[in-house]
Protein backbone atom coordinates (compact mmCIF):
# COMPACT_ATOMS: atom_id res chain seq x y z
CA UNK A 1 8.21 -20.70 6.30
CA UNK A 2 7.04 -24.14 5.19
CA UNK A 3 4.26 -22.76 2.97
CA UNK A 4 6.75 -20.49 1.16
CA UNK A 5 9.02 -23.44 0.41
CA UNK A 6 6.08 -25.53 -0.79
CA UNK A 7 4.87 -22.79 -3.14
CA UNK A 8 8.35 -22.37 -4.62
CA UNK A 9 8.56 -26.12 -5.22
CA UNK A 10 5.17 -26.30 -6.94
CA UNK A 11 5.98 -23.60 -9.52
CA UNK A 12 6.62 -24.68 -13.08
CA UNK A 13 9.68 -23.16 -14.75
CA UNK A 14 8.06 -21.79 -17.90
CA UNK A 15 7.69 -18.36 -19.50
CA UNK A 16 4.56 -16.46 -18.43
CA UNK A 17 4.06 -15.38 -22.06
CA UNK A 18 4.80 -16.79 -25.48
CA UNK A 19 4.56 -14.25 -28.34
CA UNK A 20 2.61 -11.97 -25.95
CA UNK A 21 0.05 -14.73 -25.31
CA UNK A 22 -0.61 -15.89 -21.73
CA UNK A 23 1.00 -19.31 -21.19
CA UNK A 24 -1.11 -21.51 -18.89
CA UNK A 25 -1.79 -25.19 -18.21
CA UNK A 26 -5.07 -27.10 -18.57
CA UNK A 27 -5.69 -30.19 -16.41
CA UNK A 28 -6.38 -33.22 -18.60
CA UNK A 29 -8.37 -34.83 -15.78
CA UNK A 30 -10.91 -32.12 -14.86
CA UNK A 31 -10.29 -29.28 -17.36
CA UNK A 32 -9.25 -26.71 -14.72
CA UNK A 33 -6.87 -24.02 -15.98
CA UNK A 34 -3.81 -23.06 -13.90
CA UNK A 35 -2.29 -19.62 -14.31
CA UNK A 36 0.31 -18.97 -13.11
CA UNK A 37 1.41 -22.51 -13.82
CA UNK A 38 1.80 -25.02 -10.99
CA UNK A 39 2.73 -28.71 -10.88
CA UNK A 40 -0.68 -29.85 -9.58
CA UNK A 41 -4.35 -29.03 -10.20
CA UNK A 42 -5.97 -27.14 -7.34
CA UNK A 43 -9.37 -28.67 -8.19
CA UNK A 44 -8.62 -32.40 -8.50
CA UNK A 45 -4.93 -32.54 -7.40
CA UNK A 46 -4.06 -34.11 -10.77
CA UNK A 47 -0.66 -33.71 -12.40
CA UNK A 48 -1.48 -34.43 -16.06
CA UNK A 49 -1.53 -31.10 -17.95
CA UNK A 50 -1.52 -29.72 -21.47
CA UNK A 51 -0.18 -26.29 -22.38
CA UNK A 52 -2.76 -23.69 -23.40
CA UNK A 53 -2.24 -20.17 -24.79
CA UNK A 54 -4.61 -17.23 -24.33
CA UNK A 55 -4.79 -14.44 -26.89
CA UNK A 56 -3.68 -10.95 -25.79
CA UNK A 57 -7.07 -9.38 -26.63
CA UNK A 58 -9.96 -9.55 -24.19
CA UNK A 59 -12.53 -7.54 -22.26
CA UNK A 60 -12.65 -5.74 -18.93
CA UNK A 61 -14.46 -7.73 -16.21
CA UNK A 62 -13.68 -5.61 -13.13
CA UNK A 63 -11.60 -2.59 -12.15
CA UNK A 64 -10.83 -0.11 -9.39
CA UNK A 65 -8.38 2.72 -8.81
CA UNK A 66 -5.90 4.05 -6.31
CA UNK A 67 -6.43 7.12 -4.19
CA UNK A 68 -4.89 10.29 -5.63
CA UNK A 69 -2.86 12.16 -3.01
CA UNK A 70 -2.70 15.37 -5.07
CA UNK A 71 -4.82 16.64 -7.93
CA UNK A 72 -1.77 16.41 -10.19
CA UNK A 73 -1.18 12.69 -9.47
CA UNK A 74 -2.15 10.23 -12.20
CA UNK A 75 -4.87 7.82 -11.11
CA UNK A 76 -3.75 4.19 -11.35
CA UNK A 77 -6.50 1.89 -12.60
CA UNK A 78 -6.17 -1.85 -11.99
CA UNK A 79 -8.44 -4.88 -12.24
CA UNK A 80 -9.05 -7.96 -14.39
CA UNK A 81 -9.68 -8.75 -18.03
CA UNK A 82 -11.10 -11.94 -19.53
CA UNK A 83 -8.81 -13.47 -22.17
CA UNK A 84 -9.77 -16.29 -24.54
CA UNK A 85 -8.02 -19.04 -26.47
CA UNK A 86 -7.83 -18.68 -30.26
CA UNK A 87 -10.80 -21.05 -30.68
CA UNK A 88 -12.81 -19.25 -27.97
CA UNK A 89 -13.53 -22.44 -26.01
CA UNK A 90 -11.59 -21.52 -22.86
CA UNK A 91 -11.10 -18.27 -20.96
CA UNK A 92 -9.40 -16.94 -17.85
CA UNK A 93 -9.49 -13.75 -15.84
CA UNK A 94 -6.09 -12.07 -15.68
CA UNK A 95 -5.32 -9.21 -13.31
CA UNK A 96 -3.24 -6.20 -14.26
CA UNK A 97 -3.08 -2.45 -14.67
CA UNK A 98 -5.08 -0.53 -17.29
CA UNK A 99 -3.25 2.10 -19.34
CA UNK A 100 -5.92 4.84 -19.16
CA UNK A 101 -5.90 8.43 -17.88
CA UNK A 102 -8.45 7.77 -15.14
CA UNK A 103 -11.21 5.51 -13.92
CA UNK A 104 -13.84 7.39 -15.95
CA UNK A 105 -12.12 6.26 -19.19
CA UNK A 106 -12.96 2.59 -18.60
CA UNK A 107 -16.11 0.49 -18.28
CA UNK A 108 -17.01 -3.17 -17.92
CA UNK A 109 -16.92 -4.88 -21.32
CA UNK A 110 -14.42 -2.50 -22.92
CA UNK A 111 -12.04 -4.25 -25.30
CA UNK A 112 -8.41 -4.34 -24.15
CA UNK A 113 -5.12 -5.83 -25.28
CA UNK A 114 -2.02 -6.87 -23.33
CA UNK A 115 0.92 -4.55 -23.83
CA UNK A 116 4.13 -6.56 -24.44
CA UNK A 117 5.87 -6.57 -21.05
CA UNK A 118 7.73 -9.45 -19.39
CA UNK A 119 7.22 -8.26 -15.81
CA UNK A 120 3.67 -6.92 -15.53
CA UNK A 121 0.25 -7.37 -17.08
CA UNK A 122 -0.66 -4.01 -18.57
CA UNK A 123 -3.84 -3.66 -20.62
CA UNK A 124 -4.39 -0.96 -23.22
CA UNK A 125 -7.92 -0.03 -24.28
CA UNK A 126 -8.58 -0.72 -27.97
CA UNK A 127 -11.35 0.15 -30.39
CA UNK A 128 -12.80 -2.66 -32.51
């Protein structure tokens, strides 16, 4: 029970997204990025942070799918996408679900964009 209380205490009360951009913190001491936000840096234990926003467009870095119980079930594809800051200097991997028909519709490096959603990270494949 103690670890649950500690993790609730270390959370920062801040929106996960701002204008559909991922809202994170960057440690001013070591440069480590914290998402979701916490009150301390897990690399250097520092507490001096600056806010940093990541653009909603990125690229697929890994993915997998759920097992289909019946042939008529839709396959759920989930994984991670790399998102970048507007200047391209920083990036993070963000996990979520991909809005595709099946696992064959996605490959590593495909361009994706976050769908506006306050509860879940959902990525939609885009053509550029």
